[in-house]
C-alpha cells in the first residue's frame, strides 16, 4: 500500500514540474526550462541521499581507482 502512495506522490510532483517547465519555456527558452527541471529535483534528491545515509551509515562507498577511470567525463 505504501508503494501506491509513493507512486501517486511522484506523479503529482512530475505533473507540477512539467507545468513549471512549460511555463518557463516561453520566458527562458529550452535551456532555462531544463535548468528549472534540474533545480526543482535537486532538493528531493538531496533529501533522499541524506535519508539513505542516515538509515545506512555503515554502507559508505569506497570507490577504487578503476571506478574513477570509468566515471570520468568523456572528452
C-alpha atoms as a PDB file:
ATOM      1  CA  UNK A   1       0.000   0.000   0.000  1.00  0.00           C
ATOM      2  CA  UNK A   2       2.888   2.343   0.727  1.00  0.00           C
ATOM      3  CA  UNK A   3       4.185   1.928  -2.808  1.00  0.00           C
ATOM      4  CA  UNK A   4       0.858   3.161  -4.207  1.00  0.00           C
ATOM      5  CA  UNK A   5       1.111   6.334  -2.111  1.00  0.00           C
ATOM      6  CA  UNK A   6       4.711   6.886  -3.206  1.00  0.00           C
ATOM      7  CA  UNK A   7       3.780   6.475  -6.884  1.00  0.00           C
ATOM      8  CA  UNK A   8       0.850   8.887  -6.523  1.00  0.00           C
ATOM      9  CA  UNK A   9       3.071  11.491  -4.849  1.00  0.00           C
ATOM     10  CA  UNK A  10       5.730  11.053  -7.530  1.00  0.00           C
ATOM     11  CA  UNK A  11       3.088  11.504 -10.210  1.00  0.00           C
ATOM     12  CA  UNK A  12       1.873  14.734  -8.614  1.00  0.00           C
ATOM     13  CA  UNK A  13       5.428  16.090  -8.420  1.00  0.00           C
ATOM     14  CA  UNK A  14       6.016  15.142 -12.060  1.00  0.00           C
ATOM     15  CA  UNK A  15       2.890  16.995 -13.175  1.00  0.00           C
ATOM     16  CA  UNK A  16       3.856  20.109 -11.211  1.00  0.00           C
ATOM     17  CA  UNK A  17       7.396  20.013 -12.595  1.00  0.00           C
ATOM     18  CA  UNK A  18       6.054  19.726 -16.142  1.00  0.00           C
ATOM     19  CA  UNK A  19       3.741  22.697 -15.549  1.00  0.00           C
ATOM     20  CA  UNK A  20       6.598  24.831 -14.215  1.00  0.00           C
ATOM     21  CA  UNK A  21       8.859  23.815 -17.091  1.00  0.00           C
ATOM     22  CA  UNK A  22       6.170  24.532 -19.713  1.00  0.00           C
ATOM     23  CA  UNK A  23       5.508  27.932 -18.175  1.00  0.00           C
ATOM     24  CA  UNK A  24       9.214  28.760 -18.259  1.00  0.00           C
ATOM     25  CA  UNK A  25       9.666  27.691 -21.874  1.00  0.00           C
ATOM     26  CA  UNK A  26       8.322  30.967 -23.277  1.00  0.00           C
ATOM     27  CA  UNK A  27      10.295  33.237 -20.931  1.00  0.00           C
ATOM     28  CA  UNK A  28      13.601  31.428 -20.515  1.00  0.00           C
ATOM     29  CA  UNK A  29      13.804  29.201 -23.582  1.00  0.00           C
ATOM     30  CA  UNK A  30      14.657  25.499 -23.620  1.00  0.00           C
ATOM     31  CA  UNK A  31      17.910  25.821 -21.652  1.00  0.00           C
ATOM     32  CA  UNK A  32      16.263  27.820 -18.885  1.00  0.00           C
ATOM     33  CA  UNK A  33      13.384  25.369 -18.716  1.00  0.00           C
ATOM     34  CA  UNK A  34      15.837  22.482 -18.412  1.00  0.00           C
ATOM     35  CA  UNK A  35      17.648  24.295 -15.609  1.00  0.00           C
ATOM     36  CA  UNK A  36      14.343  24.699 -13.775  1.00  0.00           C
ATOM     37  CA  UNK A  37      13.753  20.968 -14.175  1.00  0.00           C
ATOM     38  CA  UNK A  38      17.026  20.021 -12.513  1.00  0.00           C
ATOM     39  CA  UNK A  39      16.861  22.708  -9.824  1.00  0.00           C
ATOM     40  CA  UNK A  40      13.339  21.555  -8.921  1.00  0.00           C
ATOM     41  CA  UNK A  41      14.554  17.980  -8.418  1.00  0.00           C
ATOM     42  CA  UNK A  42      17.730  18.798  -6.507  1.00  0.00           C
ATOM     43  CA  UNK A  43      16.178  19.256  -3.030  1.00  0.00           C
ATOM     44  CA  UNK A  44      14.329  15.957  -3.360  1.00  0.00           C
ATOM     45  CA  UNK A  45      17.486  14.148  -4.461  1.00  0.00           C
ATOM     46  CA  UNK A  46      19.418  15.697  -1.566  1.00  0.00           C
ATOM     47  CA  UNK A  47      16.743  14.607   0.942  1.00  0.00           C
ATOM     48  CA  UNK A  48      16.736  11.094  -0.496  1.00  0.00           C
ATOM     49  CA  UNK A  49      20.527  10.873  -0.284  1.00  0.00           C
ATOM     50  CA  UNK A  50      20.503  12.223   3.275  1.00  0.00           C
ATOM     51  CA  UNK A  51      17.820   9.727   4.295  1.00  0.00           C
ATOM     52  CA  UNK A  52      19.787   6.854   2.788  1.00  0.00           C
ATOM     53  CA  UNK A  53      22.921   7.999   4.594  1.00  0.00           C
ATOM     54  CA  UNK A  54      21.104   8.284   7.934  1.00  0.00           C
ATOM     55  CA  UNK A  55      19.436   4.877   7.585  1.00  0.00           C
ATOM     56  CA  UNK A  56      22.579   3.057   6.392  1.00  0.00           C
ATOM     57  CA  UNK A  57      25.675   4.857   7.729  1.00  0.00           C
ATOM     58  CA  UNK A  58      27.720   1.660   7.594  1.00  0.00           C
ATOM     59  CA  UNK A  59      27.229   1.353   3.824  1.00  0.00           C
ATOM     60  CA  UNK A  60      29.542   4.163   2.760  1.00  0.00           C
ATOM     61  CA  UNK A  61      31.070   3.805  -0.686  1.00  0.00           C
ATOM     62  CA  UNK A  62      34.784   3.312  -1.104  1.00  0.00           C
ATOM     63  CA  UNK A  63      35.396   3.655  -4.851  1.00  0.00           C
ATOM     64  CA  UNK A  64      38.532   2.066  -6.255  1.00  0.00           C
ATOM     65  CA  UNK A  65      40.709   3.835  -8.861  1.00  0.00           C
ATOM     66  CA  UNK A  66      39.074   1.842 -11.684  1.00  0.00           C
ATOM     67  CA  UNK A  67      35.728   3.482 -10.797  1.00  0.00           C
ATOM     68  CA  UNK A  68      37.180   6.959 -11.289  1.00  0.00           C
ATOM     69  CA  UNK A  69      38.665   5.881 -14.613  1.00  0.00           C
ATOM     70  CA  UNK A  70      35.292   4.673 -15.888  1.00  0.00           C
ATOM     71  CA  UNK A  71      33.260   7.527 -14.319  1.00  0.00           C
ATOM     72  CA  UNK A  72      35.386  10.356 -15.727  1.00  0.00           C
ATOM     73  CA  UNK A  73      33.701  12.668 -18.220  1.00  0.00           C
ATOM     74  CA  UNK A  74      34.189  11.952 -21.909  1.00  0.00           C
ATOM     75  CA  UNK A  75      36.364  14.372 -23.839  1.00  0.00           C
END
